[in-house]
C-alpha cells in the first residue's frame, strides 16, 4: 500500500475511533469519497484488504490501524 494511502487510512481510522470508540467498524470504502475518481487507488486498497489480509467487509478500525502501522 502506497504511503499516501497508508497515511490517509490511519487518519480516517483515528477519526472514527475518536468519534465512535474502539468498537467502530469500517470497510476500505471509508478511505474514499462517494465517487470513483481514482480507480487504481481504490483497487490498491481493495487488494490489500481482500487479497492480502482476507478481511471481512467490515472490520474494527483499531485492527485496521494496527495492521497499517505495523507495515503489513
C-alpha atoms as a PDB file:
ATOM      1  CA  UNK A   1       0.000   0.000   0.000  1.00  0.00           C
ATOM      2  CA  UNK A   2       1.460   3.344  -1.011  1.00  0.00           C
ATOM      3  CA  UNK A   3       2.461   5.767   1.738  1.00  0.00           C
ATOM      4  CA  UNK A   4      -0.180   8.383   0.897  1.00  0.00           C
ATOM      5  CA  UNK A   5      -2.955   5.784   1.246  1.00  0.00           C
ATOM      6  CA  UNK A   6      -1.424   4.490   4.498  1.00  0.00           C
ATOM      7  CA  UNK A   7      -1.382   7.989   5.994  1.00  0.00           C
ATOM      8  CA  UNK A   8      -4.954   8.683   4.882  1.00  0.00           C
ATOM      9  CA  UNK A   9      -6.203   5.342   6.221  1.00  0.00           C
ATOM     10  CA  UNK A  10      -4.556   5.895   9.616  1.00  0.00           C
ATOM     11  CA  UNK A  11      -6.054   9.383   9.802  1.00  0.00           C
ATOM     12  CA  UNK A  12      -9.534   8.062   8.992  1.00  0.00           C
ATOM     13  CA  UNK A  13      -9.216   5.198  11.486  1.00  0.00           C
ATOM     14  CA  UNK A  14      -8.106   7.666  14.177  1.00  0.00           C
ATOM     15  CA  UNK A  15     -11.008   9.991  13.418  1.00  0.00           C
ATOM     16  CA  UNK A  16     -13.564   7.157  13.510  1.00  0.00           C
ATOM     17  CA  UNK A  17     -12.151   5.746  16.761  1.00  0.00           C
ATOM     18  CA  UNK A  18     -12.250   9.155  18.463  1.00  0.00           C
ATOM     19  CA  UNK A  19     -15.804   9.795  17.262  1.00  0.00           C
ATOM     20  CA  UNK A  20     -17.331   6.368  17.912  1.00  0.00           C
ATOM     21  CA  UNK A  21     -14.980   4.409  20.190  1.00  0.00           C
ATOM     22  CA  UNK A  22     -12.781   1.334  19.872  1.00  0.00           C
ATOM     23  CA  UNK A  23     -15.628  -0.888  18.668  1.00  0.00           C
ATOM     24  CA  UNK A  24     -16.286   1.113  15.489  1.00  0.00           C
ATOM     25  CA  UNK A  25     -16.082  -0.858  12.283  1.00  0.00           C
ATOM     26  CA  UNK A  26     -15.310   0.272   8.763  1.00  0.00           C
ATOM     27  CA  UNK A  27     -14.648  -1.013   5.279  1.00  0.00           C
ATOM     28  CA  UNK A  28     -11.954   0.060   2.849  1.00  0.00           C
ATOM     29  CA  UNK A  29     -14.566   2.281   1.190  1.00  0.00           C
ATOM     30  CA  UNK A  30     -14.219   4.586   4.223  1.00  0.00           C
ATOM     31  CA  UNK A  31     -10.893   5.724   2.762  1.00  0.00           C
ATOM     32  CA  UNK A  32     -12.589   7.203  -0.319  1.00  0.00           C
ATOM     33  CA  UNK A  33     -15.192   9.797  -1.248  1.00  0.00           C
ATOM     34  CA  UNK A  34     -18.506   8.599  -2.595  1.00  0.00           C
ATOM     35  CA  UNK A  35     -17.164   8.735  -6.124  1.00  0.00           C
ATOM     36  CA  UNK A  36     -14.696   6.622  -8.020  1.00  0.00           C
ATOM     37  CA  UNK A  37     -12.217   9.317  -9.027  1.00  0.00           C
ATOM     38  CA  UNK A  38      -9.088   7.155  -8.577  1.00  0.00           C
ATOM     39  CA  UNK A  39      -9.848   3.543  -9.546  1.00  0.00           C
ATOM     40  CA  UNK A  40      -6.197   2.452  -9.249  1.00  0.00           C
ATOM     41  CA  UNK A  41      -6.013   3.638  -5.650  1.00  0.00           C
ATOM     42  CA  UNK A  42      -9.371   2.026  -4.858  1.00  0.00           C
ATOM     43  CA  UNK A  43      -8.130  -1.237  -6.331  1.00  0.00           C
ATOM     44  CA  UNK A  44      -4.928  -0.988  -4.289  1.00  0.00           C
ATOM     45  CA  UNK A  45      -6.935  -0.610  -1.066  1.00  0.00           C
ATOM     46  CA  UNK A  46      -9.293  -3.437  -2.054  1.00  0.00           C
ATOM     47  CA  UNK A  47      -6.383  -5.732  -2.887  1.00  0.00           C
ATOM     48  CA  UNK A  48      -4.675  -5.001   0.440  1.00  0.00           C
ATOM     49  CA  UNK A  49      -7.941  -5.576   2.329  1.00  0.00           C
ATOM     50  CA  UNK A  50      -9.320  -8.607   0.490  1.00  0.00           C
ATOM     51  CA  UNK A  51      -6.425 -10.461  -1.133  1.00  0.00           C
ATOM     52  CA  UNK A  52      -3.524  -9.681   1.190  1.00  0.00           C
ATOM     53  CA  UNK A  53      -5.294  -9.842   4.556  1.00  0.00           C
ATOM     54  CA  UNK A  54      -8.523 -11.707   3.699  1.00  0.00           C
ATOM     55  CA  UNK A  55     -10.519  -9.325   5.880  1.00  0.00           C
ATOM     56  CA  UNK A  56     -14.298  -9.273   6.170  1.00  0.00           C
ATOM     57  CA  UNK A  57     -16.215  -6.419   4.589  1.00  0.00           C
ATOM     58  CA  UNK A  58     -16.392  -4.589   7.945  1.00  0.00           C
ATOM     59  CA  UNK A  59     -13.530  -4.756  10.430  1.00  0.00           C
ATOM     60  CA  UNK A  60     -12.713  -2.870  13.616  1.00  0.00           C
ATOM     61  CA  UNK A  61     -10.891   0.371  12.904  1.00  0.00           C
ATOM     62  CA  UNK A  62      -8.376  -0.412  15.661  1.00  0.00           C
ATOM     63  CA  UNK A  63      -7.468  -3.680  13.899  1.00  0.00           C
ATOM     64  CA  UNK A  64      -7.015  -1.963  10.523  1.00  0.00           C
ATOM     65  CA  UNK A  65      -4.958   0.821  12.097  1.00  0.00           C
ATOM     66  CA  UNK A  66      -2.705  -1.716  13.833  1.00  0.00           C
ATOM     67  CA  UNK A  67      -2.103  -3.616  10.579  1.00  0.00           C
ATOM     68  CA  UNK A  68      -1.208  -0.440   8.719  1.00  0.00           C
ATOM     69  CA  UNK A  69       1.058   0.906  11.468  1.00  0.00           C
ATOM     70  CA  UNK A  70       2.835  -2.475  11.615  1.00  0.00           C
ATOM     71  CA  UNK A  71       3.556  -2.125   7.906  1.00  0.00           C
ATOM     72  CA  UNK A  72       1.510  -5.131   6.893  1.00  0.00           C
END
